[in-house]
């Protein structure tokens, strides 16, 4: 089926039903151990998505409230000379500002 933004109700139901059948076929082929691992992986993904969504919501709330975004993490390497950075505002090797 071609990618398009506007699907009819019937097309959406067909896509959903086909996806359900494919998923059930895959589940039927899995061992109990594989199913358990898949459940663990899915739960981890759900938790990560939930945390990411909450961070996005917090960022949006801060921006709309006029609060400036949090400072970004310092780079791991100096953009000027490429030396490893271990914190601070200036490169220990070339002296250039890190931000």
PDB file of N, CA and C in Angstrom:
ATOM      1  N   UNK A   1       0.852  -1.179   0.000  1.00  0.00           N
ATOM      2  CA  UNK A   1       0.000   0.000   0.000  1.00  0.00           C
ATOM      3  C   UNK A   1       0.893   1.236   0.000  1.00  0.00           C
ATOM      4  N   UNK A   2       0.564   2.189  -0.797  1.00  0.00           N
ATOM      5  CA  UNK A   2       1.391   3.390  -0.910  1.00  0.00           C
ATOM      6  C   UNK A   2       1.243   4.265   0.328  1.00  0.00           C
ATOM      7  N   UNK A   3       2.302   5.044   0.620  1.00  0.00           N
ATOM      8  CA  UNK A   3       2.266   5.962   1.756  1.00  0.00           C
ATOM      9  C   UNK A   3       1.438   7.186   1.394  1.00  0.00           C
ATOM     10  N   UNK A   4       0.442   7.458   2.203  1.00  0.00           N
ATOM     11  CA  UNK A   4      -0.343   8.669   2.036  1.00  0.00           C
ATOM     12  C   UNK A   4      -0.867   9.079   3.395  1.00  0.00           C
ATOM     13  N   UNK A   5      -1.249  10.321   3.517  1.00  0.00           N
ATOM     14  CA  UNK A   5      -1.652  10.841   4.815  1.00  0.00           C
ATOM     15  C   UNK A   5      -3.117  10.586   5.132  1.00  0.00           C
ATOM     16  N   UNK A   6      -3.952  10.520   4.137  1.00  0.00           N
ATOM     17  CA  UNK A   6      -5.386  10.381   4.376  1.00  0.00           C
ATOM     18  C   UNK A   6      -5.866   8.991   3.984  1.00  0.00           C
ATOM     19  N   UNK A   7      -6.084   8.147   4.988  1.00  0.00           N
ATOM     20  CA  UNK A   7      -6.623   6.814   4.759  1.00  0.00           C
ATOM     21  C   UNK A   7      -8.105   6.836   5.089  1.00  0.00           C
ATOM     22  N   UNK A   8      -8.855   6.018   4.380  1.00  0.00           N
ATOM     23  CA  UNK A   8     -10.270   5.875   4.712  1.00  0.00           C
ATOM     24  C   UNK A   8     -10.382   5.002   5.952  1.00  0.00           C
ATOM     25  N   UNK A   9     -11.534   5.022   6.575  1.00  0.00           N
ATOM     26  CA  UNK A   9     -11.767   4.193   7.759  1.00  0.00           C
ATOM     27  C   UNK A   9     -11.565   2.716   7.422  1.00  0.00           C
ATOM     28  N   UNK A  10     -12.020   2.307   6.253  1.00  0.00           N
ATOM     29  CA  UNK A  10     -11.882   0.909   5.832  1.00  0.00           C
ATOM     30  C   UNK A  10     -10.412   0.533   5.640  1.00  0.00           C
ATOM     31  N   UNK A  11      -9.627   1.447   5.039  1.00  0.00           N
ATOM     32  CA  UNK A  11      -8.209   1.184   4.842  1.00  0.00           C
ATOM     33  C   UNK A  11      -7.481   1.065   6.179  1.00  0.00           C
ATOM     34  N   UNK A  12      -7.816   1.925   7.112  1.00  0.00           N
ATOM     35  CA  UNK A  12      -7.198   1.861   8.438  1.00  0.00           C
ATOM     36  C   UNK A  12      -7.534   0.555   9.138  1.00  0.00           C
ATOM     37  N   UNK A  13      -8.777   0.135   9.044  1.00  0.00           N
ATOM     38  CA  UNK A  13      -9.189  -1.131   9.670  1.00  0.00           C
ATOM     39  C   UNK A  13      -8.477  -2.313   9.024  1.00  0.00           C
ATOM     40  N   UNK A  14      -8.296  -2.264   7.709  1.00  0.00           N
ATOM     41  CA  UNK A  14      -7.590  -3.327   6.994  1.00  0.00           C
ATOM     42  C   UNK A  14      -6.126  -3.379   7.421  1.00  0.00           C
ATOM     43  N   UNK A  15      -5.485  -2.221   7.521  1.00  0.00           N
ATOM     44  CA  UNK A  15      -4.087  -2.155   7.951  1.00  0.00           C
ATOM     45  C   UNK A  15      -3.951  -2.690   9.377  1.00  0.00           C
ATOM     46  N   UNK A  16      -4.834  -2.293  10.234  1.00  0.00           N
ATOM     47  CA  UNK A  16      -4.805  -2.743  11.623  1.00  0.00           C
ATOM     48  C   UNK A  16      -4.998  -4.256  11.709  1.00  0.00           C
ATOM     49  N   UNK A  17      -5.947  -4.787  10.988  1.00  0.00           N
ATOM     50  CA  UNK A  17      -6.215  -6.227  11.027  1.00  0.00           C
ATOM     51  C   UNK A  17      -5.025  -7.012  10.475  1.00  0.00           C
ATOM     52  N   UNK A  18      -4.443  -6.538   9.372  1.00  0.00           N
ATOM     53  CA  UNK A  18      -3.274  -7.206   8.803  1.00  0.00           C
ATOM     54  C   UNK A  18      -2.112  -7.186   9.802  1.00  0.00           C
ATOM     55  N   UNK A  19      -1.911  -6.066  10.473  1.00  0.00           N
ATOM     56  CA  UNK A  19      -0.850  -5.952  11.472  1.00  0.00           C
ATOM     57  C   UNK A  19      -1.088  -6.890  12.639  1.00  0.00           C
ATOM     58  N   UNK A  20      -2.326  -7.012  13.071  1.00  0.00           N
ATOM     59  CA  UNK A  20      -2.659  -7.938  14.162  1.00  0.00           C
ATOM     60  C   UNK A  20      -2.359  -9.379  13.775  1.00  0.00           C
ATOM     61  N   UNK A  21      -2.730  -9.755  12.538  1.00  0.00           N
ATOM     62  CA  UNK A  21      -2.467 -11.121  12.068  1.00  0.00           C
ATOM     63  C   UNK A  21      -0.970 -11.392  12.022  1.00  0.00           C
ATOM     64  N   UNK A  22      -0.203 -10.450  11.469  1.00  0.00           N
ATOM     65  CA  UNK A  22       1.248 -10.623  11.377  1.00  0.00           C
ATOM     66  C   UNK A  22       1.880 -10.739  12.753  1.00  0.00           C
ATOM     67  N   UNK A  23       1.439  -9.919  13.682  1.00  0.00           N
ATOM     68  CA  UNK A  23       1.959  -9.976  15.044  1.00  0.00           C
ATOM     69  C   UNK A  23       1.626 -11.304  15.695  1.00  0.00           C
ATOM     70  N   UNK A  24       0.409 -11.769  15.537  1.00  0.00           N
ATOM     71  CA  UNK A  24       0.014 -13.042  16.137  1.00  0.00           C
ATOM     72  C   UNK A  24       0.822 -14.188  15.544  1.00  0.00           C
ATOM     73  N   UNK A  25       1.081 -14.151  14.238  1.00  0.00           N
ATOM     74  CA  UNK A  25       1.907 -15.186  13.608  1.00  0.00           C
ATOM     75  C   UNK A  25       3.310 -15.195  14.197  1.00  0.00           C
ATOM     76  N   UNK A  26       3.873 -14.013  14.403  1.00  0.00           N
ATOM     77  CA  UNK A  26       5.213 -13.930  14.997  1.00  0.00           C
ATOM     78  C   UNK A  26       5.209 -14.431  16.431  1.00  0.00           C
ATOM     79  N   UNK A  27       4.184 -14.058  17.187  1.00  0.00           N
ATOM     80  CA  UNK A  27       4.091 -14.516  18.577  1.00  0.00           C
ATOM     81  C   UNK A  27       3.945 -16.027  18.652  1.00  0.00           C
ATOM     82  N   UNK A  28       3.176 -16.612  17.743  1.00  0.00           N
ATOM     83  CA  UNK A  28       2.963 -18.060  17.745  1.00  0.00           C
ATOM     84  C   UNK A  28       4.251 -18.829  17.477  1.00  0.00           C
ATOM     85  N   UNK A  29       5.192 -18.211  16.765  1.00  0.00           N
ATOM     86  CA  UNK A  29       6.459 -18.866  16.439  1.00  0.00           C
ATOM     87  C   UNK A  29       7.497 -18.721  17.552  1.00  0.00           C
ATOM     88  N   UNK A  30       7.244 -17.852  18.520  1.00  0.00           N
ATOM     89  CA  UNK A  30       8.222 -17.592  19.578  1.00  0.00           C
ATOM     90  C   UNK A  30       8.142 -18.634  20.688  1.00  0.00           C
ATOM     91  N   UNK A  31       9.307 -18.928  21.268  1.00  0.00           N
ATOM     92  CA  UNK A  31       9.344 -19.792  22.442  1.00  0.00           C
ATOM     93  C   UNK A  31       8.897 -18.963  23.655  1.00  0.00           C
ATOM     94  N   UNK A  32       8.533 -19.631  24.751  1.00  0.00           N
ATOM     95  CA  UNK A  32       8.170 -18.874  25.952  1.00  0.00           C
ATOM     96  C   UNK A  32       9.296 -17.939  26.423  1.00  0.00           C
ATOM     97  N   UNK A  33      10.541 -18.372  26.272  1.00  0.00           N
ATOM     98  CA  UNK A  33      11.667 -17.538  26.683  1.00  0.00           C
ATOM     99  C   UNK A  33      11.772 -16.301  25.791  1.00  0.00           C
ATOM    100  N   UNK A  34      11.572 -16.496  24.486  1.00  0.00           N
ATOM    101  CA  UNK A  34      11.618 -15.367  23.557  1.00  0.00           C
ATOM    102  C   UNK A  34      10.482 -14.388  23.835  1.00  0.00           C
ATOM    103  N   UNK A  35       9.311 -14.916  24.161  1.00  0.00           N
ATOM    104  CA  UNK A  35       8.171 -14.044  24.495  1.00  0.00           C
ATOM    105  C   UNK A  35       8.471 -13.226  25.740  1.00  0.00           C
ATOM    106  N   UNK A  36       9.043 -13.886  26.760  1.00  0.00           N
ATOM    107  CA  UNK A  36       9.362 -13.185  28.003  1.00  0.00           C
ATOM    108  C   UNK A  36      10.368 -12.074  27.735  1.00  0.00           C
ATOM    109  N   UNK A  37      11.398 -12.367  26.923  1.00  0.00           N
ATOM    110  CA  UNK A  37      12.395 -11.353  26.609  1.00  0.00           C
ATOM    111  C   UNK A  37      11.775 -10.217  25.808  1.00  0.00           C
ATOM    112  N   UNK A  38      10.873 -10.547  24.898  1.00  0.00           N
ATOM    113  CA  UNK A  38      10.191  -9.517  24.116  1.00  0.00           C
ATOM    114  C   UNK A  38       9.350  -8.626  25.021  1.00  0.00           C
ATOM    115  N   UNK A  39       8.701  -9.220  26.018  1.00  0.00           N
ATOM    116  CA  UNK A  39       7.915  -8.434  26.970  1.00  0.00           C
ATOM    117  C   UNK A  39       8.806  -7.495  27.773  1.00  0.00           C
ATOM    118  N   UNK A  40       9.955  -7.982  28.199  1.00  0.00           N
ATOM    119  CA  UNK A  40      10.902  -7.154  28.957  1.00  0.00           C
ATOM    120  C   UNK A  40      11.388  -5.996  28.089  1.00  0.00           C
ATOM    121  N   UNK A  41      11.758  -6.307  26.841  1.00  0.00           N
ATOM    122  CA  UNK A  41      12.234  -5.258  25.923  1.00  0.00           C
ATOM    123  C   UNK A  41      11.142  -4.232  25.648  1.00  0.00           C
ATOM    124  N   UNK A  42       9.912  -4.702  25.476  1.00  0.00           N
ATOM    125  CA  UNK A  42       8.803  -3.788  25.213  1.00  0.00           C
ATOM    126  C   UNK A  42       8.566  -2.883  26.417  1.00  0.00           C
ATOM    127  N   UNK A  43       8.623  -3.437  27.617  1.00  0.00           N
ATOM    128  CA  UNK A  43       8.413  -2.633  28.819  1.00  0.00           C
ATOM    129  C   UNK A  43       9.497  -1.576  28.964  1.00  0.00           C
ATOM    130  N   UNK A  44      10.739  -1.943  28.664  1.00  0.00           N
ATOM    131  CA  UNK A  44      11.834  -0.966  28.712  1.00  0.00           C
ATOM    132  C   UNK A  44      11.601   0.152  27.705  1.00  0.00           C
ATOM    133  N   UNK A  45      11.174  -0.213  26.494  1.00  0.00           N
ATOM    134  CA  UNK A  45      10.919   0.789  25.459  1.00  0.00           C
ATOM    135  C   UNK A  45       9.784   1.722  25.874  1.00  0.00           C
ATOM    136  N   UNK A  46       8.746   1.156  26.481  1.00  0.00           N
ATOM    137  CA  UNK A  46       7.623   1.966  26.952  1.00  0.00           C
ATOM    138  C   UNK A  46       8.081   2.940  28.025  1.00  0.00           C
ATOM    139  N   UNK A  47       8.898   2.469  28.962  1.00  0.00           N
ATOM    140  CA  UNK A  47       9.405   3.333  30.027  1.00  0.00           C
ATOM    141  C   UNK A  47      10.290   4.444  29.463  1.00  0.00           C
ATOM    142  N   UNK A  48      11.161   4.101  28.504  1.00  0.00           N
ATOM    143  CA  UNK A  48      12.013   5.120  27.880  1.00  0.00           C
ATOM    144  C   UNK A  48      11.173   6.158  27.151  1.00  0.00           C
ATOM    145  N   UNK A  49      10.177   5.691  26.406  1.00  0.00           N
ATOM    146  CA  UNK A  49       9.295   6.618  25.695  1.00  0.00           C
ATOM    147  C   UNK A  49       8.559   7.530  26.663  1.00  0.00           C
ATOM    148  N   UNK A  50       8.131   6.972  27.772  1.00  0.00           N
ATOM    149  CA  UNK A  50       7.415   7.760  28.766  1.00  0.00           C
ATOM    150  C   UNK A  50       8.324   8.842  29.358  1.00  0.00           C
ATOM    151  N   UNK A  51       9.563   8.476  29.668  1.00  0.00           N
ATOM    152  CA  UNK A  51      10.517   9.455  30.196  1.00  0.00           C
ATOM    153  C   UNK A  51      10.833  10.538  29.168  1.00  0.00           C
ATOM    154  N   UNK A  52      11.020  10.123  27.916  1.00  0.00           N
ATOM    155  CA  UNK A  52      11.295  11.093  26.864  1.00  0.00           C
ATOM    156  C   UNK A  52      10.109  12.032  26.652  1.00  0.00           C
ATOM    157  N   UNK A  53       8.906  11.490  26.693  1.00  0.00           N
ATOM    158  CA  UNK A  53       7.712  12.314  26.525  1.00  0.00           C
ATOM    159  C   UNK A  53       7.595  13.314  27.671  1.00  0.00           C
ATOM    160  N   UNK A  54       7.870  12.875  28.901  1.00  0.00           N
ATOM    161  CA  UNK A  54       7.791  13.774  30.045  1.00  0.00           C
ATOM    162  C   UNK A  54       8.825  14.881  29.928  1.00  0.00           C
ATOM    163  N   UNK A  55      10.038  14.543  29.461  1.00  0.00           N
ATOM    164  CA  UNK A  55      11.069  15.569  29.279  1.00  0.00           C
ATOM    165  C   UNK A  55      10.618  16.594  28.242  1.00  0.00           C
ATOM    166  N   UNK A  56      10.052  16.110  27.138  1.00  0.00           N
ATOM    167  CA  UNK A  56       9.558  17.043  26.117  1.00  0.00           C
ATOM    168  C   UNK A  56       8.470  17.947  26.677  1.00  0.00           C
ATOM    169  N   UNK A  57       7.547  17.372  27.446  1.00  0.00           N
ATOM    170  CA  UNK A  57       6.477  18.172  28.036  1.00  0.00           C
ATOM    171  C   UNK A  57       7.039  19.199  29.010  1.00  0.00           C
ATOM    172  N   UNK A  58       8.024  18.792  29.806  1.00  0.00           N
ATOM    173  CA  UNK A  58       8.657  19.725  30.742  1.00  0.00           C
ATOM    174  C   UNK A  58       9.367  20.850  29.997  1.00  0.00           C
ATOM    175  N   UNK A  59      10.075  20.495  28.914  1.00  0.00           N
ATOM    176  CA  UNK A  59      10.764  21.515  28.124  1.00  0.00           C
ATOM    177  C   UNK A  59       9.771  22.506  27.523  1.00  0.00           C
ATOM    178  N   UNK A  60       8.671  22.005  26.990  1.00  0.00           N
ATOM    179  CA  UNK A  60       7.654  22.880  26.402  1.00  0.00           C
ATOM    180  C   UNK A  60       7.060  23.785  27.470  1.00  0.00           C
ATOM    181  N   UNK A  61       6.774  23.233  28.648  1.00  0.00           N
ATOM    182  CA  UNK A  61       6.216  24.031  29.737  1.00  0.00           C
ATOM    183  C   UNK A  61       7.185  25.134  30.147  1.00  0.00           C
ATOM    184  N   UNK A  62       8.470  24.810  30.220  1.00  0.00           N
ATOM    185  CA  UNK A  62       9.471  25.815  30.580  1.00  0.00           C
ATOM    186  C   UNK A  62       9.592  26.905  29.516  1.00  0.00           C
ATOM    187  N   UNK A  63       9.586  26.502  28.265  1.00  0.00           N
ATOM    188  CA  UNK A  63       9.709  27.475  27.179  1.00  0.00           C
ATOM    189  C   UNK A  63       8.504  28.399  27.152  1.00  0.00           C
ATOM    190  N   UNK A  64       7.306  27.837  27.286  1.00  0.00           N
ATOM    191  CA  UNK A  64       6.111  28.679  27.264  1.00  0.00           C
ATOM    192  C   UNK A  64       6.033  29.578  28.493  1.00  0.00           C
ATOM    193  N   UNK A  65       6.671  29.169  29.592  1.00  0.00           N
ATOM    194  CA  UNK A  65       6.692  29.991  30.796  1.00  0.00           C
ATOM    195  C   UNK A  65       7.815  31.028  30.763  1.00  0.00           C
ATOM    196  N   UNK A  66       8.627  30.991  29.702  1.00  0.00           N
ATOM    197  CA  UNK A  66       9.702  31.962  29.577  1.00  0.00           C
ATOM    198  C   UNK A  66      10.980  31.561  30.277  1.00  0.00           C
ATOM    199  N   UNK A  67      11.080  30.324  30.722  1.00  0.00           N
ATOM    200  CA  UNK A  67      12.285  29.840  31.381  1.00  0.00           C
ATOM    201  C   UNK A  67      13.243  29.361  30.303  1.00  0.00           C
ATOM    202  N   UNK A  68      14.504  29.796  30.369  1.00  0.00           N
ATOM    203  CA  UNK A  68      15.471  29.395  29.341  1.00  0.00           C
ATOM    204  C   UNK A  68      15.791  27.910  29.485  1.00  0.00           C
ATOM    205  N   UNK A  69      16.054  27.254  28.354  1.00  0.00           N
ATOM    206  CA  UNK A  69      16.389  25.832  28.389  1.00  0.00           C
ATOM    207  C   UNK A  69      17.638  25.598  29.227  1.00  0.00           C
ATOM    208  N   UNK A  70      17.751  24.396  29.777  1.00  0.00           N
ATOM    209  CA  UNK A  70      18.919  24.036  30.581  1.00  0.00           C
ATOM    210  C   UNK A  70      20.167  24.073  29.716  1.00  0.00           C
ATOM    211  N   UNK A  71      21.279  24.373  30.360  1.00  0.00           N
ATOM    212  CA  UNK A  71      22.555  24.404  29.644  1.00  0.00           C
ATOM    213  C   UNK A  71      22.824  23.026  29.054  1.00  0.00           C
ATOM    214  N   UNK A  72      23.364  23.018  27.853  1.00  0.00           N
ATOM    215  CA  UNK A  72      23.680  21.750  27.225  1.00  0.00           C
ATOM    216  C   UNK A  72      24.950  21.184  27.826  1.00  0.00           C
ATOM    217  N   UNK A  73      25.099  19.896  27.728  1.00  0.00           N
ATOM    218  CA  UNK A  73      26.257  19.195  28.257  1.00  0.00           C
ATOM    219  C   UNK A  73      27.505  19.624  27.491  1.00  0.00           C
ATOM    220  N   UNK A  74      28.612  19.744  28.190  1.00  0.00           N
ATOM    221  CA  UNK A  74      29.870  20.146  27.565  1.00  0.00           C
ATOM    222  C   UNK A  74      30.271  19.105  26.525  1.00  0.00           C
ATOM    223  N   UNK A  75      30.913  19.540  25.445  1.00  0.00           N
ATOM    224  CA  UNK A  75      31.343  18.578  24.425  1.00  0.00           C
ATOM    225  C   UNK A  75      32.420  17.658  24.981  1.00  0.00           C
ATOM    226  N   UNK A  76      32.534  16.466  24.405  1.00  0.00           N
ATOM    227  CA  UNK A  76      33.549  15.510  24.847  1.00  0.00           C
ATOM    228  C   UNK A  76      34.913  15.810  24.249  1.00  0.00           C
ATOM    229  N   UNK A  77      34.931  16.590  23.140  1.00  0.00           N
ATOM    230  CA  UNK A  77      36.172  16.948  22.483  1.00  0.00           C
ATOM    231  C   UNK A  77      36.133  18.421  22.133  1.00  0.00           C
ATOM    232  N   UNK A  78      37.291  19.034  22.143  1.00  0.00           N
ATOM    233  CA  UNK A  78      37.393  20.448  21.773  1.00  0.00           C
ATOM    234  C   UNK A  78      37.086  20.594  20.286  1.00  0.00           C
ATOM    235  N   UNK A  79      36.195  21.534  19.953  1.00  0.00           N
ATOM    236  CA  UNK A  79      35.829  21.764  18.559  1.00  0.00           C
ATOM    237  C   UNK A  79      36.980  22.393  17.782  1.00  0.00           C
ATOM    238  N   UNK A  80      37.912  23.030  18.480  1.00  0.00           N
ATOM    239  CA  UNK A  80      39.030  23.698  17.809  1.00  0.00           C
ATOM    240  C   UNK A  80      40.169  22.734  17.493  1.00  0.00           C
ATOM    241  N   UNK A  81      40.648  21.999  18.514  1.00  0.00           N
ATOM    242  CA  UNK A  81      41.827  21.148  18.300  1.00  0.00           C
ATOM    243  C   UNK A  81      41.537  19.650  18.382  1.00  0.00           C
ATOM    244  N   UNK A  82      40.348  19.286  18.864  1.00  0.00           N
ATOM    245  CA  UNK A  82      39.979  17.871  18.931  1.00  0.00           C
ATOM    246  C   UNK A  82      40.479  17.148  20.159  1.00  0.00           C
ATOM    247  N   UNK A  83      41.065  17.869  21.098  1.00  0.00           N
ATOM    248  CA  UNK A  83      41.581  17.243  22.316  1.00  0.00           C
ATOM    249  C   UNK A  83      40.423  16.795  23.211  1.00  0.00           C
ATOM    250  N   UNK A  84      40.620  15.713  23.967  1.00  0.00           N
ATOM    251  CA  UNK A  84      39.576  15.284  24.909  1.00  0.00           C
ATOM    252  C   UNK A  84      39.317  16.364  25.959  1.00  0.00           C
ATOM    253  N   UNK A  85      38.059  16.523  26.354  1.00  0.00           N
ATOM    254  CA  UNK A  85      37.671  17.546  27.318  1.00  0.00           C
ATOM    255  C   UNK A  85      37.199  16.857  28.595  1.00  0.00           C
ATOM    256  N   UNK A  86      37.685  17.333  29.720  1.00  0.00           N
ATOM    257  CA  UNK A  86      37.291  16.772  31.010  1.00  0.00           C
ATOM    258  C   UNK A  86      36.577  17.790  31.878  1.00  0.00           C
ATOM    259  N   UNK A  87      35.829  18.677  31.289  1.00  0.00           N
ATOM    260  CA  UNK A  87      35.124  19.703  32.045  1.00  0.00           C
ATOM    261  C   UNK A  87      35.816  21.048  31.899  1.00  0.00           C
ATOM    262  N   UNK A  88      35.237  22.042  32.514  1.00  0.00           N
ATOM    263  CA  UNK A  88      35.781  23.382  32.414  1.00  0.00           C
ATOM    264  C   UNK A  88      35.200  24.124  31.232  1.00  0.00           C
ATOM    265  N   UNK A  89      35.536  25.400  31.135  1.00  0.00           N
ATOM    266  CA  UNK A  89      35.017  26.248  30.066  1.00  0.00           C
ATOM    267  C   UNK A  89      36.002  26.443  28.921  1.00  0.00           C
ATOM    268  N   UNK A  90      37.267  26.057  29.151  1.00  0.00           N
ATOM    269  CA  UNK A  90      38.300  26.258  28.138  1.00  0.00           C
ATOM    270  C   UNK A  90      39.055  24.955  27.928  1.00  0.00           C
ATOM    271  N   UNK A  91      39.550  24.770  26.708  1.00  0.00           N
ATOM    272  CA  UNK A  91      40.329  23.582  26.374  1.00  0.00           C
ATOM    273  C   UNK A  91      41.669  23.656  27.108  1.00  0.00           C
ATOM    274  N   UNK A  92      42.056  22.550  27.743  1.00  0.00           N
ATOM    275  CA  UNK A  92      43.314  22.488  28.478  1.00  0.00           C
ATOM    276  C   UNK A  92      44.510  22.472  27.531  1.00  0.00           C
ATOM    277  N   UNK A  93      44.305  22.156  26.252  1.00  0.00           N
ATOM    278  CA  UNK A  93      45.404  22.044  25.297  1.00  0.00           C
ATOM    279  C   UNK A  93      45.604  23.311  24.475  1.00  0.00           C
ATOM    280  N   UNK A  94      44.505  23.866  23.929  1.00  0.00           N
ATOM    281  CA  UNK A  94      44.656  25.036  23.051  1.00  0.00           C
ATOM    282  C   UNK A  94      44.129  26.323  23.678  1.00  0.00           C
ATOM    283  N   UNK A  95      43.361  26.209  24.779  1.00  0.00           N
ATOM    284  CA  UNK A  95      42.875  27.383  25.484  1.00  0.00           C
ATOM    285  C   UNK A  95      41.631  28.007  24.923  1.00  0.00           C
ATOM    286  N   UNK A  96      41.097  27.479  23.854  1.00  0.00           N
ATOM    287  CA  UNK A  96      39.878  28.054  23.241  1.00  0.00           C
ATOM    288  C   UNK A  96      38.667  27.746  24.114  1.00  0.00           C
ATOM    289  N   UNK A  97      37.633  28.627  24.108  1.00  0.00           N
ATOM    290  CA  UNK A  97      36.392  28.361  24.845  1.00  0.00           C
ATOM    291  C   UNK A  97      35.716  27.109  24.307  1.00  0.00           C
ATOM    292  N   UNK A  98      35.114  26.340  25.210  1.00  0.00           N
ATOM    293  CA  UNK A  98      34.450  25.101  24.797  1.00  0.00           C
ATOM    294  C   UNK A  98      33.015  25.296  24.362  1.00  0.00           C
ATOM    295  N   UNK A  99      32.402  26.426  24.683  1.00  0.00           N
ATOM    296  CA  UNK A  99      31.013  26.636  24.276  1.00  0.00           C
ATOM    297  C   UNK A  99      30.891  27.797  23.352  1.00  0.00           C
TER     298      UNK A  99
END
